[in-house]
Amino acid sequence: MKGRLVSYRRGVHTEYTNQYVVQVEGVKDRSAASGIVGSRVVWKTATGKEIVGKVSKAHGNSGAVLVKFDKGLPGQALGTEIEIQEK
């Protein structure tokens, strides 16, 4: 399953740079997004290095999810594709 890194998880005064909002292809509502909670997420660099994260919860009512990584991704990662693997 593919997804796109949309933004950091953020508030008015803070950005959580190791947590990202991800829009998942084919997921259009909150109940479908809740079904992929706990799945593994892989972001690949141009050189082939893989950085792994995990889907933590649904975000909003349009099928977006929050993904947590141990360390933050580089800023260039925003807007790029990630791969979501089944549980």
PDB file of N, CA and C in Angstrom:
ATOM      1  N   MET A   1       0.853  -1.170   0.000  1.00  0.00           N
ATOM      2  CA  MET A   1       0.000   0.000   0.000  1.00  0.00           C
ATOM      3  C   MET A   1       0.900   1.234   0.000  1.00  0.00           C
ATOM      4  N   LYS A   2       0.522   2.252  -0.741  1.00  0.00           N
ATOM      5  CA  LYS A   2       1.308   3.481  -0.837  1.00  0.00           C
ATOM      6  C   LYS A   2       0.650   4.598  -0.049  1.00  0.00           C
ATOM      7  N   GLY A   3       1.447   5.560   0.355  1.00  0.00           N
ATOM      8  CA  GLY A   3       0.963   6.739   1.051  1.00  0.00           C
ATOM      9  C   GLY A   3       1.848   7.921   0.735  1.00  0.00           C
ATOM     10  N   ARG A   4       1.417   9.104   1.113  1.00  0.00           N
ATOM     11  CA  ARG A   4       2.191  10.326   0.880  1.00  0.00           C
ATOM     12  C   ARG A   4       2.326  11.089   2.183  1.00  0.00           C
ATOM     13  N   LEU A   5       3.564  11.505   2.500  1.00  0.00           N
ATOM     14  CA  LEU A   5       3.823  12.307   3.691  1.00  0.00           C
ATOM     15  C   LEU A   5       3.283  13.715   3.441  1.00  0.00           C
ATOM     16  N   VAL A   6       2.255  14.117   4.172  1.00  0.00           N
ATOM     17  CA  VAL A   6       1.586  15.389   3.945  1.00  0.00           C
ATOM     18  C   VAL A   6       2.195  16.489   4.800  1.00  0.00           C
ATOM     19  N   SER A   7       2.413  16.219   6.081  1.00  0.00           N
ATOM     20  CA  SER A   7       2.865  17.258   6.991  1.00  0.00           C
ATOM     21  C   SER A   7       3.385  16.622   8.269  1.00  0.00           C
ATOM     22  N   TYR A   8       4.060  17.436   9.076  1.00  0.00           N
ATOM     23  CA  TYR A   8       4.370  17.025  10.429  1.00  0.00           C
ATOM     24  C   TYR A   8       3.086  17.043  11.250  1.00  0.00           C
ATOM     25  N   ARG A   9       3.071  16.279  12.343  1.00  0.00           N
ATOM     26  CA  ARG A   9       2.022  16.474  13.345  1.00  0.00           C
ATOM     27  C   ARG A   9       2.397  17.763  14.056  1.00  0.00           C
ATOM     28  N   ARG A  10       1.457  18.704  14.152  1.00  0.00           N
ATOM     29  CA  ARG A  10       1.811  19.991  14.720  1.00  0.00           C
ATOM     30  C   ARG A  10       0.640  20.628  15.429  1.00  0.00           C
ATOM     31  N   GLY A  11       0.976  21.589  16.262  1.00  0.00           N
ATOM     32  CA  GLY A  11      -0.002  22.418  16.948  1.00  0.00           C
ATOM     33  C   GLY A  11       0.270  23.861  16.585  1.00  0.00           C
ATOM     34  N   VAL A  12      -0.293  24.768  17.324  1.00  0.00           N
ATOM     35  CA  VAL A  12      -0.104  26.183  17.045  1.00  0.00           C
ATOM     36  C   VAL A  12       1.349  26.596  17.262  1.00  0.00           C
ATOM     37  N   HIS A  13       1.976  26.095  18.319  1.00  0.00           N
ATOM     38  CA  HIS A  13       3.315  26.543  18.670  1.00  0.00           C
ATOM     39  C   HIS A  13       4.391  25.469  18.549  1.00  0.00           C
ATOM     40  N   THR A  14       4.041  24.247  18.191  1.00  0.00           N
ATOM     41  CA  THR A  14       5.026  23.169  18.162  1.00  0.00           C
ATOM     42  C   THR A  14       4.878  22.324  16.914  1.00  0.00           C
ATOM     43  N   GLU A  15       6.001  21.712  16.488  1.00  0.00           N
ATOM     44  CA  GLU A  15       6.015  20.688  15.450  1.00  0.00           C
ATOM     45  C   GLU A  15       6.649  19.449  16.051  1.00  0.00           C
ATOM     46  N   TYR A  16       6.028  18.312  15.831  1.00  0.00           N
ATOM     47  CA  TYR A  16       6.579  17.040  16.278  1.00  0.00           C
ATOM     48  C   TYR A  16       7.275  16.433  15.074  1.00  0.00           C
ATOM     49  N   THR A  17       8.591  16.628  14.987  1.00  0.00           N
ATOM     50  CA  THR A  17       9.306  16.297  13.756  1.00  0.00           C
ATOM     51  C   THR A  17       9.583  14.811  13.577  1.00  0.00           C
ATOM     52  N   ASN A  18       9.174  13.969  14.510  1.00  0.00           N
ATOM     53  CA  ASN A  18       9.283  12.533  14.297  1.00  0.00           C
ATOM     54  C   ASN A  18       7.905  11.904  14.060  1.00  0.00           C
ATOM     55  N   GLN A  19       6.860  12.737  13.961  1.00  0.00           N
ATOM     56  CA  GLN A  19       5.503  12.246  13.713  1.00  0.00           C
ATOM     57  C   GLN A  19       4.947  12.950  12.476  1.00  0.00           C
ATOM     58  N   TYR A  20       4.359  12.177  11.572  1.00  0.00           N
ATOM     59  CA  TYR A  20       3.908  12.696  10.292  1.00  0.00           C
ATOM     60  C   TYR A  20       2.456  12.340  10.025  1.00  0.00           C
ATOM     61  N   VAL A  21       1.777  13.222   9.321  1.00  0.00           N
ATOM     62  CA  VAL A  21       0.438  12.939   8.817  1.00  0.00           C
ATOM     63  C   VAL A  21       0.625  12.334   7.435  1.00  0.00           C
ATOM     64  N   VAL A  22       0.021  11.176   7.202  1.00  0.00           N
ATOM     65  CA  VAL A  22       0.167  10.452   5.942  1.00  0.00           C
ATOM     66  C   VAL A  22      -1.203  10.233   5.328  1.00  0.00           C
ATOM     67  N   GLN A  23      -1.355  10.608   4.057  1.00  0.00           N
ATOM     68  CA  GLN A  23      -2.577  10.328   3.309  1.00  0.00           C
ATOM     69  C   GLN A  23      -2.360   9.019   2.559  1.00  0.00           C
ATOM     70  N   VAL A  24      -3.201   8.031   2.806  1.00  0.00           N
ATOM     71  CA  VAL A  24      -3.042   6.692   2.253  1.00  0.00           C
ATOM     72  C   VAL A  24      -3.927   6.547   1.018  1.00  0.00           C
ATOM     73  N   GLU A  25      -3.355   5.986  -0.046  1.00  0.00           N
ATOM     74  CA  GLU A  25      -4.125   5.752  -1.273  1.00  0.00           C
ATOM     75  C   GLU A  25      -5.215   4.724  -1.019  1.00  0.00           C
ATOM     76  N   GLY A  26      -6.418   5.021  -1.463  1.00  0.00           N
ATOM     77  CA  GLY A  26      -7.528   4.090  -1.346  1.00  0.00           C
ATOM     78  C   GLY A  26      -8.241   4.107  -0.009  1.00  0.00           C
ATOM     79  N   VAL A  27      -7.798   4.911   0.928  1.00  0.00           N
ATOM     80  CA  VAL A  27      -8.442   5.007   2.236  1.00  0.00           C
ATOM     81  C   VAL A  27      -9.141   6.355   2.304  1.00  0.00           C
ATOM     82  N   LYS A  28     -10.479   6.330   2.442  1.00  0.00           N
ATOM     83  CA  LYS A  28     -11.257   7.561   2.340  1.00  0.00           C
ATOM     84  C   LYS A  28     -12.009   7.941   3.609  1.00  0.00           C
ATOM     85  N   ASP A  29     -11.997   7.076   4.640  1.00  0.00           N
ATOM     86  CA  ASP A  29     -12.714   7.437   5.867  1.00  0.00           C
ATOM     87  C   ASP A  29     -11.971   6.926   7.098  1.00  0.00           C
ATOM     88  N   ARG A  30     -12.407   7.395   8.242  1.00  0.00           N
ATOM     89  CA  ARG A  30     -11.722   7.104   9.501  1.00  0.00           C
ATOM     90  C   ARG A  30     -11.749   5.615   9.847  1.00  0.00           C
ATOM     91  N   SER A  31     -12.831   4.922   9.560  1.00  0.00           N
ATOM     92  CA  SER A  31     -12.914   3.504   9.928  1.00  0.00           C
ATOM     93  C   SER A  31     -11.921   2.667   9.119  1.00  0.00           C
ATOM     94  N   ALA A  32     -11.739   2.997   7.857  1.00  0.00           N
ATOM     95  CA  ALA A  32     -10.743   2.286   7.044  1.00  0.00           C
ATOM     96  C   ALA A  32      -9.329   2.611   7.512  1.00  0.00           C
ATOM     97  N   ALA A  33      -9.103   3.863   7.920  1.00  0.00           N
ATOM     98  CA  ALA A  33      -7.785   4.257   8.422  1.00  0.00           C
ATOM     99  C   ALA A  33      -7.473   3.546   9.732  1.00  0.00           C
ATOM    100  N   SER A  34      -8.474   3.321  10.564  1.00  0.00           N
ATOM    101  CA  SER A  34      -8.263   2.622  11.831  1.00  0.00           C
ATOM    102  C   SER A  34      -7.847   1.176  11.600  1.00  0.00           C
ATOM    103  N   GLY A  35      -8.185   0.619  10.444  1.00  0.00           N
ATOM    104  CA  GLY A  35      -7.826  -0.761  10.129  1.00  0.00           C
ATOM    105  C   GLY A  35      -6.352  -0.974   9.871  1.00  0.00           C
ATOM    106  N   ILE A  36      -5.608   0.081   9.563  1.00  0.00           N
ATOM    107  CA  ILE A  36      -4.178  -0.077   9.295  1.00  0.00           C
ATOM    108  C   ILE A  36      -3.308   0.369  10.462  1.00  0.00           C
ATOM    109  N   VAL A  37      -3.926   0.697  11.588  1.00  0.00           N
ATOM    110  CA  VAL A  37      -3.160   1.090  12.777  1.00  0.00           C
ATOM    111  C   VAL A  37      -2.294  -0.089  13.213  1.00  0.00           C
ATOM    112  N   GLY A  38      -1.029   0.184  13.492  1.00  0.00           N
ATOM    113  CA  GLY A  38      -0.089  -0.853  13.884  1.00  0.00           C
ATOM    114  C   GLY A  38       0.752  -1.364  12.731  1.00  0.00           C
ATOM    115  N   SER A  39       0.445  -0.948  11.508  1.00  0.00           N
ATOM    116  CA  SER A  39       1.207  -1.391  10.344  1.00  0.00           C
ATOM    117  C   SER A  39       2.576  -0.733  10.318  1.00  0.00           C
ATOM    118  N   ARG A  40       3.502  -1.398   9.669  1.00  0.00           N
ATOM    119  CA  ARG A  40       4.864  -0.896   9.527  1.00  0.00           C
ATOM    120  C   ARG A  40       4.943   0.009   8.305  1.00  0.00           C
ATOM    121  N   VAL A  41       5.711   1.089   8.410  1.00  0.00           N
ATOM    122  CA  VAL A  41       5.871   2.058   7.330  1.00  0.00           C
ATOM    123  C   VAL A  41       7.349   2.156   6.988  1.00  0.00           C
ATOM    124  N   VAL A  42       7.669   2.177   5.676  1.00  0.00           N
ATOM    125  CA  VAL A  42       9.058   2.275   5.233  1.00  0.00           C
ATOM    126  C   VAL A  42       9.195   3.457   4.291  1.00  0.00           C
ATOM    127  N   TRP A  43      10.167   4.339   4.605  1.00  0.00           N
ATOM    128  CA  TRP A  43      10.526   5.444   3.713  1.00  0.00           C
ATOM    129  C   TRP A  43      11.933   5.173   3.219  1.00  0.00           C
ATOM    130  N   LYS A  44      12.136   5.232   1.886  1.00  0.00           N
ATOM    131  CA  LYS A  44      13.436   4.930   1.299  1.00  0.00           C
ATOM    132  C   LYS A  44      14.091   6.201   0.789  1.00  0.00           C
ATOM    133  N   THR A  45      15.396   6.332   1.066  1.00  0.00           N
ATOM    134  CA  THR A  45      16.163   7.453   0.545  1.00  0.00           C
ATOM    135  C   THR A  45      16.538   7.177  -0.905  1.00  0.00           C
ATOM    136  N   ALA A  46      17.113   8.173  -1.551  1.00  0.00           N
ATOM    137  CA  ALA A  46      17.544   8.011  -2.944  1.00  0.00           C
ATOM    138  C   ALA A  46      18.656   6.973  -3.058  1.00  0.00           C
ATOM    139  N   THR A  47      19.440   6.802  -2.004  1.00  0.00           N
ATOM    140  CA  THR A  47      20.536   5.836  -2.023  1.00  0.00           C
ATOM    141  C   THR A  47      20.104   4.436  -1.610  1.00  0.00           C
ATOM    142  N   GLY A  48      18.846   4.277  -1.200  1.00  0.00           N
ATOM    143  CA  GLY A  48      18.324   2.964  -0.856  1.00  0.00           C
ATOM    144  C   GLY A  48      18.224   2.675   0.629  1.00  0.00           C
ATOM    145  N   LYS A  49      18.629   3.612   1.480  1.00  0.00           N
ATOM    146  CA  LYS A  49      18.511   3.409   2.923  1.00  0.00           C
ATOM    147  C   LYS A  49      17.042   3.436   3.310  1.00  0.00           C
ATOM    148  N   GLU A  50      16.643   2.539   4.203  1.00  0.00           N
ATOM    149  CA  GLU A  50      15.254   2.454   4.644  1.00  0.00           C
ATOM    150  C   GLU A  50      15.127   2.961   6.073  1.00  0.00           C
ATOM    151  N   ILE A  51      14.146   3.821   6.304  1.00  0.00           N
ATOM    152  CA  ILE A  51      13.831   4.298   7.640  1.00  0.00           C
ATOM    153  C   ILE A  51      12.428   3.798   7.969  1.00  0.00           C
ATOM    154  N   VAL A  52      12.301   3.133   9.111  1.00  0.00           N
ATOM    155  CA  VAL A  52      11.075   2.422   9.453  1.00  0.00           C
ATOM    156  C   VAL A  52      10.308   3.167  10.542  1.00  0.00           C
ATOM    157  N   GLY A  53       8.978   3.203  10.392  1.00  0.00           N
ATOM    158  CA  GLY A  53       8.102   3.789  11.392  1.00  0.00           C
ATOM    159  C   GLY A  53       6.881   2.906  11.580  1.00  0.00           C
ATOM    160  N   LYS A  54       5.920   3.421  12.346  1.00  0.00           N
ATOM    161  CA  LYS A  54       4.723   2.636  12.650  1.00  0.00           C
ATOM    162  C   LYS A  54       3.504   3.547  12.653  1.00  0.00           C
ATOM    163  N   VAL A  55       2.381   3.058  12.101  1.00  0.00           N
ATOM    164  CA  VAL A  55       1.126   3.810  12.116  1.00  0.00           C
ATOM    165  C   VAL A  55       0.584   3.787  13.533  1.00  0.00           C
ATOM    166  N   SER A  56       0.352   4.987  14.116  1.00  0.00           N
ATOM    167  CA  SER A  56      -0.072   5.043  15.513  1.00  0.00           C
ATOM    168  C   SER A  56      -1.568   5.232  15.678  1.00  0.00           C
ATOM    169  N   LYS A  57      -2.217   6.050  14.821  1.00  0.00           N
ATOM    170  CA  LYS A  57      -3.664   6.239  14.945  1.00  0.00           C
ATOM    171  C   LYS A  57      -4.205   6.942  13.715  1.00  0.00           C
ATOM    172  N   ALA A  58      -5.529   6.957  13.595  1.00  0.00           N
ATOM    173  CA  ALA A  58      -6.186   7.692  12.516  1.00  0.00           C
ATOM    174  C   ALA A  58      -6.115   9.183  12.809  1.00  0.00           C
ATOM    175  N   HIS A  59      -6.119   9.991  11.753  1.00  0.00           N
ATOM    176  CA  HIS A  59      -6.020  11.443  11.904  1.00  0.00           C
ATOM    177  C   HIS A  59      -7.138  12.089  11.092  1.00  0.00           C
ATOM    178  N   GLY A  60      -8.130  12.616  11.772  1.00  0.00           N
ATOM    179  CA  GLY A  60      -9.238  13.258  11.074  1.00  0.00           C
ATOM    180  C   GLY A  60     -10.224  12.251  10.530  1.00  0.00           C
ATOM    181  N   ASN A  61     -11.139  12.704   9.682  1.00  0.00           N
ATOM    182  CA  ASN A  61     -12.200  11.853   9.145  1.00  0.00           C
ATOM    183  C   ASN A  61     -12.017  11.518   7.681  1.00  0.00           C
ATOM    184  N   SER A  62     -10.906  11.907   7.075  1.00  0.00           N
ATOM    185  CA  SER A  62     -10.707  11.716   5.635  1.00  0.00           C
ATOM    186  C   SER A  62      -9.743  10.597   5.294  1.00  0.00           C
ATOM    187  N   GLY A  63      -9.400   9.755   6.243  1.00  0.00           N
ATOM    188  CA  GLY A  63      -8.560   8.605   5.954  1.00  0.00           C
ATOM    189  C   GLY A  63      -7.077   8.820   6.174  1.00  0.00           C
ATOM    190  N   ALA A  64      -6.657   9.942   6.720  1.00  0.00           N
ATOM    191  CA  ALA A  64      -5.246  10.158   7.020  1.00  0.00           C
ATOM    192  C   ALA A  64      -4.884   9.432   8.311  1.00  0.00           C
ATOM    193  N   VAL A  65      -3.594   9.121   8.458  1.00  0.00           N
ATOM    194  CA  VAL A  65      -3.114   8.455   9.664  1.00  0.00           C
ATOM    195  C   VAL A  65      -1.879   9.187  10.188  1.00  0.00           C
ATOM    196  N   LEU A  66      -1.574   8.985  11.474  1.00  0.00           N
ATOM    197  CA  LEU A  66      -0.345   9.501  12.069  1.00  0.00           C
ATOM    198  C   LEU A  66       0.678   8.374  12.105  1.00  0.00           C
ATOM    199  N   VAL A  67       1.900   8.695  11.694  1.00  0.00           N
ATOM    200  CA  VAL A  67       2.989   7.723  11.684  1.00  0.00           C
ATOM    201  C   VAL A  67       4.107   8.255  12.563  1.00  0.00           C
ATOM    202  N   LYS A  68       4.623   7.389  13.446  1.00  0.00           N
ATOM    203  CA  LYS A  68       5.732   7.767  14.320  1.00  0.00           C
ATOM    204  C   LYS A  68       6.998   7.046  13.883  1.00  0.00           C
ATOM    205  N   PHE A  69       8.083   7.800  13.793  1.00  0.00           N
ATOM    206  CA  PHE A  69       9.409   7.267  13.520  1.00  0.00           C
ATOM    207  C   PHE A  69      10.253   7.461  14.771  1.00  0.00           C
ATOM    208  N   ASP A  70      11.277   6.611  14.975  1.00  0.00           N
ATOM    209  CA  ASP A  70      12.155   6.776  16.125  1.00  0.00           C
ATOM    210  C   ASP A  70      12.909   8.098  16.028  1.00  0.00           C
ATOM    211  N   LYS A  71      13.454   8.386  14.864  1.00  0.00           N
ATOM    212  CA  LYS A  71      14.102   9.658  14.605  1.00  0.00           C
ATOM    213  C   LYS A  71      13.320  10.323  13.482  1.00  0.00           C
ATOM    214  N   GLY A  72      13.422  11.634  13.385  1.00  0.00           N
ATOM    215  CA  GLY A  72      12.716  12.338  12.326  1.00  0.00           C
ATOM    216  C   GLY A  72      13.333  12.087  10.968  1.00  0.00           C
ATOM    217  N   LEU A  73      12.542  12.239   9.937  1.00  0.00           N
ATOM    218  CA  LEU A  73      13.024  12.147   8.568  1.00  0.00           C
ATOM    219  C   LEU A  73      13.577  13.503   8.157  1.00  0.00           C
ATOM    220  N   PRO A  74      14.381  13.562   7.096  1.00  0.00           N
ATOM    221  CA  PRO A  74      14.847  14.860   6.629  1.00  0.00           C
ATOM    222  C   PRO A  74      13.691  15.675   6.060  1.00  0.00           C
ATOM    223  N   GLY A  75      13.827  16.973   6.035  1.00  0.00           N
ATOM    224  CA  GLY A  75      12.760  17.846   5.546  1.00  0.00           C
ATOM    225  C   GLY A  75      12.380  17.570   4.114  1.00  0.00           C
ATOM    226  N   GLN A  76      13.312  17.061   3.311  1.00  0.00           N
ATOM    227  CA  GLN A  76      13.026  16.743   1.917  1.00  0.00           C
ATOM    228  C   GLN A  76      12.036  15.602   1.782  1.00  0.00           C
ATOM    229  N   ALA A  77      11.768  14.884   2.857  1.00  0.00           N
ATOM    230  CA  ALA A  77      10.845  13.748   2.804  1.00  0.00           C
ATOM    231  C   ALA A  77       9.398  14.194   2.668  1.00  0.00           C
ATOM    232  N   LEU A  78       9.069  15.394   3.118  1.00  0.00           N
ATOM    233  CA  LEU A  78       7.677  15.872   3.021  1.00  0.00           C
ATOM    234  C   LEU A  78       7.247  15.904   1.562  1.00  0.00           C
ATOM    235  N   GLY A  79       6.093  15.326   1.290  1.00  0.00           N
ATOM    236  CA  GLY A  79       5.560  15.275  -0.068  1.00  0.00           C
ATOM    237  C   GLY A  79       5.964  14.042  -0.841  1.00  0.00           C
ATOM    238  N   THR A  80       6.840  13.210  -0.286  1.00  0.00           N
ATOM    239  CA  THR A  80       7.278  12.008  -0.995  1.00  0.00           C
ATOM    240  C   THR A  80       6.413  10.817  -0.618  1.00  0.00           C
ATOM    241  N   GLU A  81       6.609   9.720  -1.341  1.00  0.00           N
ATOM    242  CA  GLU A  81       5.819   8.517  -1.102  1.00  0.00           C
ATOM    243  C   GLU A  81       6.490   7.613  -0.078  1.00  0.00           C
ATOM    244  N   ILE A  82       5.655   6.869   0.633  1.00  0.00           N
ATOM    245  CA  ILE A  82       6.119   5.845   1.555  1.00  0.00           C
ATOM    246  C   ILE A  82       5.369   4.565   1.244  1.00  0.00           C
ATOM    247  N   GLU A  83       5.884   3.468   1.772  1.00  0.00           N
ATOM    248  CA  GLU A  83       5.221   2.178   1.593  1.00  0.00           C
ATOM    249  C   GLU A  83       4.703   1.700   2.941  1.00  0.00           C
ATOM    250  N   ILE A  84       3.419   1.332   2.971  1.00  0.00           N
ATOM    251  CA  ILE A  84       2.795   0.817   4.184  1.00  0.00           C
ATOM    252  C   ILE A  84       2.631  -0.685   4.007  1.00  0.00           C
ATOM    253  N   GLN A  85       3.248  -1.443   4.909  1.00  0.00           N
ATOM    254  CA  GLN A  85       3.194  -2.890   4.832  1.00  0.00           C
ATOM    255  C   GLN A  85       2.090  -3.404   5.738  1.00  0.00           C
ATOM    256  N   GLU A  86       1.453  -4.475   5.326  1.00  0.00           N
ATOM    257  CA  GLU A  86       0.372  -5.067   6.118  1.00  0.00           C
ATOM    258  C   GLU A  86       0.914  -5.603   7.424  1.00  0.00           C
ATOM    259  N   LYS A  87       0.044  -5.693   8.424  1.00  0.00           N
ATOM    260  CA  LYS A  87       0.425  -6.171   9.759  1.00  0.00           C
ATOM    261  C   LYS A  87       0.944  -7.592   9.702  1.00  0.00           C
TER     262      LYS A  87
END
